[in-house]
């Protein structure tokens, strides 16, 4: 994932910062509890495609 792209990407729901989780290939918005998948180095930034974080995940 390009570091410059990570700097400008924000959550499409709340416009907050995203955490990059390289091991799971996803971008996570902690306030919204959503994880956006990264496929072929392209983040899928659609709310309807995002994974809801489980209660045990941070």
C-alpha atoms as a PDB file:
ATOM      1  CA  UNK A   1       0.000   0.000   0.000  1.00  0.00           C
ATOM      2  CA  UNK A   2       1.403   3.370  -1.028  1.00  0.00           C
ATOM      3  CA  UNK A   3       2.294   5.496   2.029  1.00  0.00           C
ATOM      4  CA  UNK A   4       1.219   8.719   0.275  1.00  0.00           C
ATOM      5  CA  UNK A   5      -2.215   7.252  -0.412  1.00  0.00           C
ATOM      6  CA  UNK A   6      -2.574   6.198   3.228  1.00  0.00           C
ATOM      7  CA  UNK A   7      -1.942   9.800   4.290  1.00  0.00           C
ATOM      8  CA  UNK A   8      -4.893  11.186   2.319  1.00  0.00           C
ATOM      9  CA  UNK A   9      -7.482   8.404   2.714  1.00  0.00           C
ATOM     10  CA  UNK A  10     -10.220   8.938   5.288  1.00  0.00           C
ATOM     11  CA  UNK A  11     -13.306   6.999   6.308  1.00  0.00           C
ATOM     12  CA  UNK A  12     -16.098   7.703   3.804  1.00  0.00           C
ATOM     13  CA  UNK A  13     -18.680   7.665   6.615  1.00  0.00           C
ATOM     14  CA  UNK A  14     -17.195   9.942   9.299  1.00  0.00           C
ATOM     15  CA  UNK A  15     -14.192  11.420   7.407  1.00  0.00           C
ATOM     16  CA  UNK A  16     -11.939  10.263  10.259  1.00  0.00           C
ATOM     17  CA  UNK A  17      -8.466   8.703  10.043  1.00  0.00           C
ATOM     18  CA  UNK A  18      -7.938   5.075   9.077  1.00  0.00           C
ATOM     19  CA  UNK A  19      -5.535   2.512  10.536  1.00  0.00           C
ATOM     20  CA  UNK A  20      -3.719   0.281   8.058  1.00  0.00           C
ATOM     21  CA  UNK A  21      -3.667  -3.396   9.023  1.00  0.00           C
ATOM     22  CA  UNK A  22      -1.159  -4.983   6.698  1.00  0.00           C
ATOM     23  CA  UNK A  23      -1.673  -8.521   8.048  1.00  0.00           C
ATOM     24  CA  UNK A  24      -5.401  -8.435   7.206  1.00  0.00           C
ATOM     25  CA  UNK A  25      -5.065  -6.181   4.124  1.00  0.00           C
ATOM     26  CA  UNK A  26      -7.629  -3.669   5.343  1.00  0.00           C
ATOM     27  CA  UNK A  27      -8.113  -0.099   6.506  1.00  0.00           C
ATOM     28  CA  UNK A  28      -9.947   0.284   9.815  1.00  0.00           C
ATOM     29  CA  UNK A  29     -12.042   3.175  11.115  1.00  0.00           C
ATOM     30  CA  UNK A  30     -12.172   2.772  14.892  1.00  0.00           C
ATOM     31  CA  UNK A  31     -15.029   5.255  15.576  1.00  0.00           C
ATOM     32  CA  UNK A  32     -17.308   3.641  12.948  1.00  0.00           C
ATOM     33  CA  UNK A  33     -16.030   0.108  13.708  1.00  0.00           C
ATOM     34  CA  UNK A  34     -15.685  -0.610   9.984  1.00  0.00           C
ATOM     35  CA  UNK A  35     -12.903  -2.364   8.070  1.00  0.00           C
ATOM     36  CA  UNK A  36     -12.403  -1.618   4.381  1.00  0.00           C
ATOM     37  CA  UNK A  37     -10.711  -4.386   2.382  1.00  0.00           C
ATOM     38  CA  UNK A  38      -7.679  -3.778   0.171  1.00  0.00           C
ATOM     39  CA  UNK A  39      -7.701  -5.891  -2.995  1.00  0.00           C
ATOM     40  CA  UNK A  40      -4.765  -5.785  -5.430  1.00  0.00           C
ATOM     41  CA  UNK A  41      -3.445  -2.669  -3.607  1.00  0.00           C
ATOM     42  CA  UNK A  42      -6.780  -0.885  -4.171  1.00  0.00           C
ATOM     43  CA  UNK A  43      -8.833   0.048  -1.086  1.00  0.00           C
ATOM     44  CA  UNK A  44     -12.544  -0.696  -1.452  1.00  0.00           C
ATOM     45  CA  UNK A  45     -13.928   2.425   0.228  1.00  0.00           C
ATOM     46  CA  UNK A  46     -17.656   1.663   0.008  1.00  0.00           C
ATOM     47  CA  UNK A  47     -19.666   1.570   3.235  1.00  0.00           C
ATOM     48  CA  UNK A  48     -21.827  -1.297   1.948  1.00  0.00           C
ATOM     49  CA  UNK A  49     -18.667  -3.366   1.205  1.00  0.00           C
ATOM     50  CA  UNK A  50     -17.059  -2.703   4.597  1.00  0.00           C
ATOM     51  CA  UNK A  51     -16.799  -5.355   7.285  1.00  0.00           C
ATOM     52  CA  UNK A  52     -18.320  -4.551  10.671  1.00  0.00           C
ATOM     53  CA  UNK A  53     -15.734  -5.096  13.414  1.00  0.00           C
ATOM     54  CA  UNK A  54     -16.650  -7.673  16.027  1.00  0.00           C
ATOM     55  CA  UNK A  55     -17.071  -6.526  19.619  1.00  0.00           C
ATOM     56  CA  UNK A  56     -13.788  -8.233  20.534  1.00  0.00           C
ATOM     57  CA  UNK A  57     -11.805  -6.461  17.798  1.00  0.00           C
ATOM     58  CA  UNK A  58     -10.178  -3.106  18.308  1.00  0.00           C
END
